[in-house]
Amino acid sequence: MKPVMESSTPTTEPAELSFRSPQISDGKRLWQIARDSEVLDVNSGYAYVLWCRDFAETSVVATDETDRPVGFITGYRRQDSPRHCSCGR
């Protein structure tokens, strides 16, 4: 894994972010973010589209001022056990 390094001195003001549920149309961009991170496991582009559709209630997309996704957090809730997380607890 390659750590993501950021400059300690910002060159511009940080963009204001908004947060929302993912939309199916975000799938391709989320795949690009994962691929470009060089630290996340990259699934197929189709998997991100399905994630945006099937797990929108437990996931969040961060967007810039143009509503373009710039980050995301995915959550998975098992359908057969919705009160439990997928971490094995």
N, C-alpha and C. Protein backbone atom coordinates (compact mmCIF):
# COMPACT_ATOMS: atom_id res chain seq x y z
N MET A 1 0.82 -1.17 0.00
CA MET A 1 0.00 0.00 0.00
C MET A 1 0.87 1.24 0.00
N LYS A 2 0.46 2.22 -0.76
CA LYS A 2 1.18 3.48 -0.81
C LYS A 2 0.38 4.52 -0.03
N PRO A 3 0.97 5.15 1.01
CA PRO A 3 0.21 6.14 1.78
C PRO A 3 -0.06 7.38 0.93
N VAL A 4 -1.18 7.99 1.20
CA VAL A 4 -1.54 9.23 0.52
C VAL A 4 -0.92 10.37 1.31
N MET A 5 -0.09 11.15 0.66
CA MET A 5 0.60 12.26 1.32
C MET A 5 0.02 13.57 0.81
N GLU A 6 -0.22 14.47 1.72
CA GLU A 6 -0.70 15.79 1.35
C GLU A 6 0.33 16.82 1.75
N SER A 7 0.36 17.90 0.99
CA SER A 7 1.26 19.00 1.30
C SER A 7 0.85 19.63 2.61
N SER A 8 1.82 20.04 3.42
CA SER A 8 1.51 20.68 4.68
C SER A 8 1.09 22.13 4.50
N THR A 9 1.37 22.70 3.32
CA THR A 9 0.99 24.07 3.04
C THR A 9 0.01 24.09 1.88
N PRO A 10 -1.27 24.36 2.17
CA PRO A 10 -2.24 24.37 1.07
C PRO A 10 -1.96 25.54 0.12
N THR A 11 -2.12 25.29 -1.17
CA THR A 11 -1.88 26.34 -2.16
C THR A 11 -3.16 27.13 -2.45
N THR A 12 -4.31 26.57 -2.13
CA THR A 12 -5.58 27.25 -2.33
C THR A 12 -6.48 26.94 -1.15
N GLU A 13 -7.54 27.70 -1.04
CA GLU A 13 -8.54 27.43 -0.01
C GLU A 13 -9.18 26.08 -0.30
N PRO A 14 -9.42 25.27 0.71
CA PRO A 14 -10.10 24.00 0.46
C PRO A 14 -11.52 24.24 -0.02
N ALA A 15 -11.95 23.41 -0.93
CA ALA A 15 -13.31 23.52 -1.46
C ALA A 15 -14.30 23.14 -0.38
N GLU A 16 -15.45 23.74 -0.42
CA GLU A 16 -16.51 23.36 0.51
C GLU A 16 -17.14 22.07 0.01
N LEU A 17 -17.28 21.12 0.90
CA LEU A 17 -17.84 19.83 0.54
C LEU A 17 -19.29 19.73 0.97
N SER A 18 -20.03 18.95 0.23
CA SER A 18 -21.40 18.58 0.60
C SER A 18 -21.43 17.07 0.70
N PHE A 19 -22.39 16.55 1.43
CA PHE A 19 -22.50 15.11 1.62
C PHE A 19 -23.92 14.68 1.27
N ARG A 20 -24.01 13.54 0.59
CA ARG A 20 -25.31 13.02 0.18
C ARG A 20 -25.21 11.52 -0.04
N SER A 21 -26.36 10.90 -0.23
CA SER A 21 -26.39 9.48 -0.58
C SER A 21 -25.88 9.31 -2.01
N PRO A 22 -25.24 8.20 -2.29
CA PRO A 22 -24.78 7.97 -3.65
C PRO A 22 -25.95 7.73 -4.60
N GLN A 23 -25.72 8.09 -5.85
CA GLN A 23 -26.68 7.84 -6.93
C GLN A 23 -26.03 6.86 -7.90
N ILE A 24 -26.84 6.12 -8.63
CA ILE A 24 -26.31 5.15 -9.58
C ILE A 24 -25.30 5.81 -10.52
N SER A 25 -25.59 7.04 -10.92
CA SER A 25 -24.70 7.74 -11.85
C SER A 25 -23.33 8.06 -11.24
N ASP A 26 -23.17 7.94 -9.93
CA ASP A 26 -21.88 8.18 -9.26
C ASP A 26 -20.93 6.99 -9.38
N GLY A 27 -21.43 5.83 -9.76
CA GLY A 27 -20.62 4.61 -9.74
C GLY A 27 -19.30 4.72 -10.47
N LYS A 28 -19.32 5.28 -11.67
CA LYS A 28 -18.08 5.39 -12.45
C LYS A 28 -17.07 6.28 -11.73
N ARG A 29 -17.53 7.39 -11.18
CA ARG A 29 -16.61 8.31 -10.49
C ARG A 29 -16.03 7.68 -9.23
N LEU A 30 -16.85 6.92 -8.49
CA LEU A 30 -16.34 6.26 -7.29
C LEU A 30 -15.26 5.24 -7.66
N TRP A 31 -15.47 4.54 -8.76
CA TRP A 31 -14.45 3.60 -9.24
C TRP A 31 -13.16 4.34 -9.55
N GLN A 32 -13.26 5.52 -10.21
CA GLN A 32 -12.08 6.31 -10.54
C GLN A 32 -11.35 6.77 -9.27
N ILE A 33 -12.10 7.19 -8.27
CA ILE A 33 -11.49 7.62 -7.01
C ILE A 33 -10.72 6.46 -6.38
N ALA A 34 -11.34 5.29 -6.33
CA ALA A 34 -10.68 4.11 -5.75
C ALA A 34 -9.42 3.76 -6.55
N ARG A 35 -9.53 3.74 -7.86
CA ARG A 35 -8.38 3.42 -8.71
C ARG A 35 -7.25 4.42 -8.51
N ASP A 36 -7.56 5.69 -8.51
CA ASP A 36 -6.54 6.73 -8.41
C ASP A 36 -5.92 6.84 -7.02
N SER A 37 -6.59 6.30 -6.01
CA SER A 37 -6.05 6.40 -4.65
C SER A 37 -4.78 5.59 -4.47
N GLU A 38 -4.62 4.54 -5.21
CA GLU A 38 -3.49 3.61 -5.12
C GLU A 38 -3.39 2.92 -3.76
N VAL A 39 -4.43 3.04 -2.92
CA VAL A 39 -4.43 2.34 -1.64
C VAL A 39 -5.71 1.53 -1.43
N LEU A 40 -6.76 1.85 -2.14
CA LEU A 40 -8.01 1.11 -1.99
C LEU A 40 -8.03 -0.09 -2.92
N ASP A 41 -8.73 -1.13 -2.52
CA ASP A 41 -8.94 -2.27 -3.42
C ASP A 41 -9.88 -1.81 -4.52
N VAL A 42 -9.53 -2.07 -5.75
CA VAL A 42 -10.34 -1.64 -6.88
C VAL A 42 -11.18 -2.81 -7.36
N ASN A 43 -12.48 -2.63 -7.30
CA ASN A 43 -13.42 -3.61 -7.85
C ASN A 43 -13.75 -3.21 -9.28
N SER A 44 -14.61 -3.96 -9.92
CA SER A 44 -15.03 -3.59 -11.26
C SER A 44 -15.89 -2.33 -11.19
N GLY A 45 -15.95 -1.59 -12.27
CA GLY A 45 -16.79 -0.41 -12.33
C GLY A 45 -18.24 -0.74 -12.05
N TYR A 46 -18.67 -1.90 -12.53
CA TYR A 46 -20.05 -2.34 -12.31
C TYR A 46 -20.34 -2.53 -10.82
N ALA A 47 -19.35 -3.00 -10.07
CA ALA A 47 -19.56 -3.20 -8.63
C ALA A 47 -19.87 -1.88 -7.93
N TYR A 48 -19.23 -0.80 -8.35
CA TYR A 48 -19.50 0.51 -7.74
C TYR A 48 -20.90 1.01 -8.11
N VAL A 49 -21.34 0.73 -9.32
CA VAL A 49 -22.71 1.10 -9.72
C VAL A 49 -23.71 0.34 -8.85
N LEU A 50 -23.48 -0.96 -8.66
CA LEU A 50 -24.37 -1.76 -7.81
C LEU A 50 -24.34 -1.27 -6.37
N TRP A 51 -23.15 -0.93 -5.88
CA TRP A 51 -23.03 -0.43 -4.51
C TRP A 51 -23.87 0.83 -4.33
N CYS A 52 -23.76 1.74 -5.32
CA CYS A 52 -24.53 2.99 -5.25
C CYS A 52 -26.03 2.72 -5.25
N ARG A 53 -26.46 1.67 -5.93
CA ARG A 53 -27.88 1.33 -5.98
C ARG A 53 -28.32 0.58 -4.73
N ASP A 54 -27.58 -0.45 -4.36
CA ASP A 54 -28.03 -1.37 -3.32
C ASP A 54 -27.70 -0.92 -1.90
N PHE A 55 -26.71 -0.07 -1.73
CA PHE A 55 -26.29 0.33 -0.39
C PHE A 55 -26.29 1.85 -0.20
N ALA A 56 -27.14 2.53 -0.94
CA ALA A 56 -27.23 3.99 -0.84
C ALA A 56 -27.63 4.44 0.56
N GLU A 57 -28.42 3.64 1.25
CA GLU A 57 -28.88 4.03 2.59
C GLU A 57 -27.77 3.97 3.64
N THR A 58 -26.70 3.21 3.37
CA THR A 58 -25.64 3.06 4.36
C THR A 58 -24.30 3.62 3.86
N SER A 59 -24.34 4.39 2.79
CA SER A 59 -23.12 4.96 2.21
C SER A 59 -23.28 6.47 2.06
N VAL A 60 -22.14 7.16 1.93
CA VAL A 60 -22.13 8.63 1.81
C VAL A 60 -21.12 9.02 0.73
N VAL A 61 -21.50 10.01 -0.07
CA VAL A 61 -20.61 10.57 -1.08
C VAL A 61 -20.33 12.02 -0.70
N ALA A 62 -19.05 12.40 -0.73
CA ALA A 62 -18.66 13.81 -0.56
C ALA A 62 -18.54 14.41 -1.95
N THR A 63 -19.15 15.59 -2.13
CA THR A 63 -19.14 16.23 -3.45
C THR A 63 -18.57 17.64 -3.35
N ASP A 64 -18.02 18.10 -4.47
CA ASP A 64 -17.51 19.47 -4.53
C ASP A 64 -18.65 20.41 -4.90
N GLU A 65 -18.31 21.67 -5.16
CA GLU A 65 -19.33 22.68 -5.44
C GLU A 65 -20.11 22.41 -6.72
N THR A 66 -19.62 21.53 -7.59
CA THR A 66 -20.34 21.18 -8.83
C THR A 66 -21.11 19.86 -8.69
N ASP A 67 -21.18 19.33 -7.48
CA ASP A 67 -21.83 18.05 -7.17
C ASP A 67 -21.06 16.85 -7.73
N ARG A 68 -19.79 17.03 -8.03
CA ARG A 68 -18.93 15.94 -8.49
C ARG A 68 -18.39 15.20 -7.28
N PRO A 69 -18.56 13.87 -7.23
CA PRO A 69 -18.01 13.11 -6.11
C PRO A 69 -16.49 13.24 -6.02
N VAL A 70 -16.01 13.52 -4.79
CA VAL A 70 -14.57 13.63 -4.54
C VAL A 70 -14.12 12.67 -3.45
N GLY A 71 -15.06 11.96 -2.85
CA GLY A 71 -14.75 10.99 -1.81
C GLY A 71 -16.00 10.21 -1.46
N PHE A 72 -15.82 9.09 -0.76
CA PHE A 72 -16.98 8.29 -0.39
C PHE A 72 -16.67 7.38 0.79
N ILE A 73 -17.72 7.02 1.49
CA ILE A 73 -17.65 6.03 2.56
C ILE A 73 -18.74 5.01 2.25
N THR A 74 -18.36 3.76 2.21
CA THR A 74 -19.36 2.73 1.92
C THR A 74 -19.70 1.97 3.19
N GLY A 75 -20.95 1.61 3.31
CA GLY A 75 -21.42 0.81 4.43
C GLY A 75 -22.19 -0.38 3.89
N TYR A 76 -22.07 -1.49 4.54
CA TYR A 76 -22.74 -2.72 4.09
C TYR A 76 -23.59 -3.25 5.22
N ARG A 77 -24.86 -3.43 4.96
CA ARG A 77 -25.77 -4.02 5.94
C ARG A 77 -26.32 -5.32 5.35
N ARG A 78 -26.09 -6.40 6.05
CA ARG A 78 -26.58 -7.70 5.57
C ARG A 78 -28.09 -7.70 5.55
N GLN A 79 -28.67 -8.13 4.44
CA GLN A 79 -30.12 -8.16 4.32
C GLN A 79 -30.76 -9.17 5.26
N ASP A 80 -30.06 -10.27 5.54
CA ASP A 80 -30.62 -11.29 6.42
C ASP A 80 -30.42 -10.96 7.89
N SER A 81 -29.65 -9.90 8.18
CA SER A 81 -29.39 -9.50 9.56
C SER A 81 -29.12 -7.99 9.60
N PRO A 82 -30.11 -7.17 9.28
CA PRO A 82 -29.88 -5.74 9.13
C PRO A 82 -29.45 -5.01 10.39
N ARG A 83 -29.60 -5.61 11.56
CA ARG A 83 -29.21 -4.94 12.80
C ARG A 83 -27.75 -5.16 13.15
N HIS A 84 -27.03 -5.98 12.36
CA HIS A 84 -25.64 -6.30 12.65
C HIS A 84 -24.73 -5.79 11.53
N CYS A 85 -23.53 -5.40 11.90
CA CYS A 85 -22.56 -4.96 10.90
C CYS A 85 -21.93 -6.16 10.22
N SER A 86 -21.19 -5.91 9.17
CA SER A 86 -20.55 -7.01 8.42
C SER A 86 -19.18 -7.36 8.98
N CYS A 87 -18.82 -6.82 10.14
CA CYS A 87 -17.47 -7.03 10.67
C CYS A 87 -17.37 -8.33 11.49
N GLY A 88 -18.42 -9.10 11.56
CA GLY A 88 -18.36 -10.38 12.26
C GLY A 88 -18.80 -10.32 13.71
N ARG A 89 -19.24 -9.18 14.17
CA ARG A 89 -19.68 -9.08 15.57
C ARG A 89 -21.12 -9.49 15.71
